[in-house]
Amino acid sequence: MASKKEPPSGKGSGRRSSGGVPTIRVTKFGGVQIGPREPSGPVTIEEWRRMLVICARLVDEFGESALPLFERCEREIAEAESKSSAMARAKAVLEGREPRKPTDPEPA
């Protein structure tokens, strides 16, 4: 098995967020920016899913050292999906419908 490359490190290798993990942003032209995110509103679930693919490539390229980035994307996607589900249940309550619990099967 080929040895994994080490990501650049040291001074000037990119700014890090408070959690020690650099943020990743996909530009509108398909490029990747690693570093602080421009404040343009919350990251959408679609953006997190695109970043998850990029992070999977980083894990493939750099190995275990890139796993925190991949795991962060997974957590953010799960949180966004949970919020979306909760919002739908709340809306159902307001409309007088019985909300579907997360454990209930999808309607046919």
N, C-alpha and C. Protein backbone atom coordinates (compact mmCIF):
# COMPACT_ATOMS: atom_id res chain seq x y z
N MET A 1 0.84 -1.17 0.00
CA MET A 1 0.00 0.00 0.00
C MET A 1 0.88 1.23 0.00
N ALA A 2 0.57 2.18 -0.85
CA ALA A 2 1.37 3.39 -0.96
C ALA A 2 1.20 4.24 0.29
N SER A 3 2.26 4.93 0.63
CA SER A 3 2.20 5.79 1.80
C SER A 3 1.38 7.03 1.49
N LYS A 4 0.64 7.49 2.49
CA LYS A 4 -0.23 8.67 2.32
C LYS A 4 0.60 9.93 2.44
N LYS A 5 0.24 10.93 1.65
CA LYS A 5 0.91 12.22 1.73
C LYS A 5 0.50 12.92 3.01
N GLU A 6 1.37 13.72 3.53
CA GLU A 6 1.03 14.54 4.69
C GLU A 6 0.57 15.89 4.20
N PRO A 7 -0.53 16.43 4.79
CA PRO A 7 -0.98 17.75 4.40
C PRO A 7 0.02 18.80 4.82
N PRO A 8 0.05 19.95 4.15
CA PRO A 8 0.99 20.99 4.54
C PRO A 8 0.72 21.41 5.97
N SER A 9 1.78 21.74 6.67
CA SER A 9 1.62 22.19 8.05
C SER A 9 2.61 23.31 8.32
N GLY A 10 2.47 23.89 9.48
CA GLY A 10 3.38 24.95 9.86
C GLY A 10 2.79 26.31 9.61
N LYS A 11 3.58 27.32 9.87
CA LYS A 11 3.13 28.69 9.75
C LYS A 11 2.74 29.00 8.31
N GLY A 12 1.60 29.66 8.16
CA GLY A 12 1.15 30.05 6.83
C GLY A 12 0.46 28.96 6.04
N SER A 13 0.13 27.84 6.70
CA SER A 13 -0.51 26.74 5.96
C SER A 13 -2.02 26.88 5.91
N GLY A 14 -2.54 27.97 6.37
CA GLY A 14 -4.00 28.17 6.35
C GLY A 14 -4.52 28.47 7.73
N ARG A 15 -5.50 29.34 7.79
CA ARG A 15 -6.09 29.69 9.08
C ARG A 15 -7.01 28.57 9.51
N ARG A 16 -7.17 28.45 10.79
CA ARG A 16 -8.02 27.39 11.33
C ARG A 16 -9.14 28.00 12.16
N SER A 17 -10.27 27.31 12.17
CA SER A 17 -11.40 27.74 12.98
C SER A 17 -11.10 27.43 14.44
N SER A 18 -11.99 27.86 15.32
CA SER A 18 -11.76 27.65 16.74
C SER A 18 -11.64 26.17 17.10
N GLY A 19 -12.25 25.29 16.30
CA GLY A 19 -12.17 23.87 16.57
C GLY A 19 -10.90 23.23 16.05
N GLY A 20 -10.02 23.99 15.41
CA GLY A 20 -8.77 23.46 14.90
C GLY A 20 -8.89 22.81 13.55
N VAL A 21 -10.07 22.86 12.94
CA VAL A 21 -10.28 22.24 11.63
C VAL A 21 -10.54 23.35 10.62
N PRO A 22 -9.76 23.41 9.54
CA PRO A 22 -10.03 24.46 8.56
C PRO A 22 -11.38 24.27 7.90
N THR A 23 -12.00 25.37 7.54
CA THR A 23 -13.27 25.28 6.84
C THR A 23 -12.99 25.09 5.35
N ILE A 24 -13.91 24.45 4.66
CA ILE A 24 -13.76 24.18 3.24
C ILE A 24 -14.94 24.80 2.52
N ARG A 25 -14.69 25.49 1.42
CA ARG A 25 -15.75 26.10 0.65
C ARG A 25 -15.56 25.76 -0.81
N VAL A 26 -16.66 25.36 -1.44
CA VAL A 26 -16.64 25.08 -2.87
C VAL A 26 -17.03 26.38 -3.57
N THR A 27 -16.18 26.86 -4.45
CA THR A 27 -16.47 28.10 -5.16
C THR A 27 -17.48 27.84 -6.26
N LYS A 28 -18.09 28.91 -6.77
CA LYS A 28 -19.11 28.72 -7.80
C LYS A 28 -18.54 28.17 -9.10
N PHE A 29 -17.23 28.15 -9.24
CA PHE A 29 -16.62 27.61 -10.45
C PHE A 29 -16.06 26.21 -10.21
N GLY A 30 -16.44 25.59 -9.08
CA GLY A 30 -16.04 24.22 -8.81
C GLY A 30 -14.70 24.08 -8.11
N GLY A 31 -14.04 25.19 -7.80
CA GLY A 31 -12.78 25.13 -7.07
C GLY A 31 -13.02 24.93 -5.59
N VAL A 32 -11.97 24.75 -4.85
CA VAL A 32 -12.05 24.54 -3.41
C VAL A 32 -11.22 25.59 -2.71
N GLN A 33 -11.81 26.20 -1.69
CA GLN A 33 -11.08 27.16 -0.87
C GLN A 33 -11.03 26.59 0.53
N ILE A 34 -9.84 26.43 1.07
CA ILE A 34 -9.69 25.96 2.44
C ILE A 34 -9.27 27.16 3.27
N GLY A 35 -10.02 27.44 4.29
CA GLY A 35 -9.75 28.58 5.14
C GLY A 35 -11.05 29.16 5.64
N PRO A 36 -11.02 30.38 6.12
CA PRO A 36 -12.25 30.96 6.65
C PRO A 36 -13.28 31.16 5.56
N ARG A 37 -14.53 30.93 5.88
CA ARG A 37 -15.63 31.05 4.93
C ARG A 37 -16.09 32.50 4.86
N GLU A 38 -16.40 32.94 3.65
CA GLU A 38 -16.94 34.28 3.47
C GLU A 38 -18.35 34.31 4.04
N PRO A 39 -18.71 35.33 4.79
CA PRO A 39 -20.04 35.37 5.40
C PRO A 39 -21.13 35.67 4.37
N SER A 40 -21.72 34.64 3.81
CA SER A 40 -22.78 34.81 2.81
C SER A 40 -24.05 34.10 3.24
N GLY A 41 -24.19 33.85 4.53
CA GLY A 41 -25.34 33.13 5.05
C GLY A 41 -24.94 31.74 5.47
N PRO A 42 -25.91 30.99 6.00
CA PRO A 42 -25.59 29.64 6.46
C PRO A 42 -25.25 28.70 5.30
N VAL A 43 -24.43 27.72 5.61
CA VAL A 43 -24.06 26.72 4.61
C VAL A 43 -25.27 25.82 4.38
N THR A 44 -25.63 25.61 3.13
CA THR A 44 -26.78 24.76 2.81
C THR A 44 -26.39 23.29 2.90
N ILE A 45 -27.39 22.43 3.01
CA ILE A 45 -27.13 21.00 3.08
C ILE A 45 -26.48 20.51 1.78
N GLU A 46 -26.84 21.13 0.66
CA GLU A 46 -26.22 20.76 -0.62
C GLU A 46 -24.73 21.09 -0.60
N GLU A 47 -24.37 22.24 -0.02
CA GLU A 47 -22.95 22.59 0.09
C GLU A 47 -22.21 21.61 0.98
N TRP A 48 -22.84 21.21 2.11
CA TRP A 48 -22.21 20.23 2.99
C TRP A 48 -22.00 18.90 2.26
N ARG A 49 -22.97 18.51 1.44
CA ARG A 49 -22.83 17.25 0.71
C ARG A 49 -21.69 17.32 -0.31
N ARG A 50 -21.55 18.47 -0.98
CA ARG A 50 -20.43 18.63 -1.92
C ARG A 50 -19.10 18.61 -1.16
N MET A 51 -19.08 19.25 0.02
CA MET A 51 -17.85 19.26 0.82
C MET A 51 -17.52 17.87 1.33
N LEU A 52 -18.55 17.05 1.60
CA LEU A 52 -18.31 15.69 2.05
C LEU A 52 -17.54 14.90 0.99
N VAL A 53 -17.90 15.08 -0.27
CA VAL A 53 -17.20 14.40 -1.37
C VAL A 53 -15.75 14.88 -1.43
N ILE A 54 -15.56 16.18 -1.31
CA ILE A 54 -14.19 16.73 -1.33
C ILE A 54 -13.38 16.17 -0.17
N CYS A 55 -14.00 16.11 1.01
CA CYS A 55 -13.29 15.59 2.18
C CYS A 55 -12.97 14.11 2.03
N ALA A 56 -13.86 13.36 1.38
CA ALA A 56 -13.58 11.94 1.13
C ALA A 56 -12.33 11.82 0.25
N ARG A 57 -12.21 12.72 -0.73
CA ARG A 57 -11.00 12.72 -1.57
C ARG A 57 -9.76 13.06 -0.75
N LEU A 58 -9.91 14.02 0.19
CA LEU A 58 -8.78 14.38 1.05
C LEU A 58 -8.37 13.20 1.93
N VAL A 59 -9.35 12.46 2.45
CA VAL A 59 -9.04 11.28 3.26
C VAL A 59 -8.31 10.25 2.41
N ASP A 60 -8.76 10.06 1.17
CA ASP A 60 -8.11 9.13 0.28
C ASP A 60 -6.67 9.55 0.00
N GLU A 61 -6.47 10.86 -0.17
CA GLU A 61 -5.14 11.39 -0.50
C GLU A 61 -4.21 11.46 0.71
N PHE A 62 -4.75 11.94 1.87
CA PHE A 62 -3.89 12.22 3.02
C PHE A 62 -4.08 11.27 4.18
N GLY A 63 -5.06 10.38 4.08
CA GLY A 63 -5.25 9.40 5.14
C GLY A 63 -5.94 9.96 6.37
N GLU A 64 -5.64 9.37 7.48
CA GLU A 64 -6.31 9.64 8.75
C GLU A 64 -6.25 11.10 9.18
N SER A 65 -5.24 11.82 8.78
CA SER A 65 -5.11 13.21 9.21
C SER A 65 -6.24 14.10 8.68
N ALA A 66 -6.93 13.67 7.63
CA ALA A 66 -8.03 14.44 7.06
C ALA A 66 -9.40 13.99 7.58
N LEU A 67 -9.43 12.96 8.41
CA LEU A 67 -10.71 12.44 8.91
C LEU A 67 -11.54 13.47 9.68
N PRO A 68 -10.95 14.36 10.49
CA PRO A 68 -11.77 15.34 11.19
C PRO A 68 -12.62 16.20 10.25
N LEU A 69 -12.09 16.53 9.09
CA LEU A 69 -12.86 17.30 8.11
C LEU A 69 -14.05 16.50 7.60
N PHE A 70 -13.81 15.24 7.27
CA PHE A 70 -14.86 14.35 6.77
C PHE A 70 -15.95 14.17 7.83
N GLU A 71 -15.53 13.93 9.07
CA GLU A 71 -16.48 13.72 10.16
C GLU A 71 -17.30 14.97 10.45
N ARG A 72 -16.68 16.14 10.33
CA ARG A 72 -17.40 17.40 10.54
C ARG A 72 -18.52 17.53 9.51
N CYS A 73 -18.24 17.22 8.27
CA CYS A 73 -19.25 17.28 7.22
C CYS A 73 -20.39 16.31 7.52
N GLU A 74 -20.05 15.10 7.94
CA GLU A 74 -21.09 14.13 8.28
C GLU A 74 -21.99 14.65 9.39
N ARG A 75 -21.38 15.24 10.43
CA ARG A 75 -22.16 15.78 11.56
C ARG A 75 -23.07 16.92 11.11
N GLU A 76 -22.55 17.81 10.29
CA GLU A 76 -23.33 18.95 9.82
C GLU A 76 -24.51 18.51 8.96
N ILE A 77 -24.30 17.50 8.12
CA ILE A 77 -25.38 16.97 7.28
C ILE A 77 -26.46 16.34 8.16
N ALA A 78 -26.05 15.54 9.14
CA ALA A 78 -27.01 14.90 10.04
C ALA A 78 -27.81 15.96 10.81
N GLU A 79 -27.14 17.00 11.27
CA GLU A 79 -27.82 18.07 12.01
C GLU A 79 -28.81 18.82 11.11
N ALA A 80 -28.40 19.11 9.88
CA ALA A 80 -29.29 19.81 8.94
C ALA A 80 -30.51 18.96 8.61
N GLU A 81 -30.31 17.66 8.42
CA GLU A 81 -31.43 16.76 8.12
C GLU A 81 -32.38 16.66 9.30
N SER A 82 -31.83 16.64 10.51
CA SER A 82 -32.65 16.58 11.72
C SER A 82 -33.49 17.85 11.87
N LYS A 83 -32.87 19.00 11.62
CA LYS A 83 -33.60 20.27 11.71
C LYS A 83 -34.71 20.33 10.67
N SER A 84 -34.41 19.87 9.47
CA SER A 84 -35.41 19.87 8.40
C SER A 84 -36.60 19.00 8.78
N SER A 85 -36.33 17.84 9.35
CA SER A 85 -37.38 16.93 9.77
C SER A 85 -38.21 17.55 10.90
N ALA A 86 -37.55 18.19 11.86
CA ALA A 86 -38.25 18.84 12.97
C ALA A 86 -39.11 19.99 12.46
N MET A 87 -38.62 20.74 11.49
CA MET A 87 -39.40 21.85 10.93
C MET A 87 -40.66 21.30 10.25
N ALA A 88 -40.53 20.21 9.52
CA ALA A 88 -41.69 19.60 8.84
C ALA A 88 -42.71 19.11 9.86
N ARG A 89 -42.24 18.52 10.97
CA ARG A 89 -43.16 18.05 12.01
C ARG A 89 -43.87 19.22 12.67
N ALA A 90 -43.16 20.30 12.93
CA ALA A 90 -43.77 21.48 13.54
C ALA A 90 -44.83 22.07 12.62
N LYS A 91 -44.54 22.13 11.34
CA LYS A 91 -45.50 22.65 10.36
C LYS A 91 -46.75 21.77 10.34
N ALA A 92 -46.57 20.45 10.42
CA ALA A 92 -47.70 19.53 10.43
C ALA A 92 -48.59 19.76 11.65
N VAL A 93 -47.98 20.04 12.79
CA VAL A 93 -48.75 20.31 13.99
C VAL A 93 -49.58 21.58 13.79
N LEU A 94 -48.98 22.61 13.22
CA LEU A 94 -49.70 23.87 12.99
C LEU A 94 -50.84 23.70 12.00
N GLU A 95 -50.70 22.79 11.07
CA GLU A 95 -51.74 22.55 10.07
C GLU A 95 -52.77 21.55 10.55
N GLY A 96 -52.65 21.10 11.81
CA GLY A 96 -53.62 20.18 12.38
C GLY A 96 -53.47 18.75 11.96
N ARG A 97 -52.33 18.43 11.35
CA ARG A 97 -52.08 17.04 10.95
C ARG A 97 -51.25 16.36 12.03
N GLU A 98 -51.35 15.05 12.05
CA GLU A 98 -50.51 14.27 12.96
C GLU A 98 -49.10 14.24 12.39
N PRO A 99 -48.11 14.75 13.13
CA PRO A 99 -46.75 14.74 12.60
C PRO A 99 -46.19 13.33 12.53
N ARG A 100 -45.42 13.09 11.49
CA ARG A 100 -44.75 11.79 11.32
C ARG A 100 -43.49 11.81 12.16
N LYS A 101 -43.34 10.83 13.03
CA LYS A 101 -42.16 10.75 13.88
C LYS A 101 -40.97 10.27 13.03
N PRO A 102 -39.74 10.65 13.42
CA PRO A 102 -38.57 10.22 12.64
C PRO A 102 -38.46 8.71 12.50
N THR A 103 -39.05 7.95 13.44
CA THR A 103 -38.95 6.49 13.38
C THR A 103 -40.06 5.85 12.56
N ASP A 104 -41.10 6.64 12.20
CA ASP A 104 -42.18 6.11 11.38
C ASP A 104 -41.70 5.87 9.96
N PRO A 105 -42.25 4.85 9.28
CA PRO A 105 -41.85 4.62 7.88
C PRO A 105 -42.39 5.73 6.99
N GLU A 106 -41.71 5.94 5.88
CA GLU A 106 -42.15 6.93 4.90
C GLU A 106 -43.49 6.52 4.32
N PRO A 107 -44.40 7.49 4.11
CA PRO A 107 -45.68 7.13 3.49
C PRO A 107 -45.48 6.68 2.04
N ALA A 108 -46.35 5.76 1.59
CA ALA A 108 -46.22 5.20 0.23
C ALA A 108 -46.71 6.15 -0.81
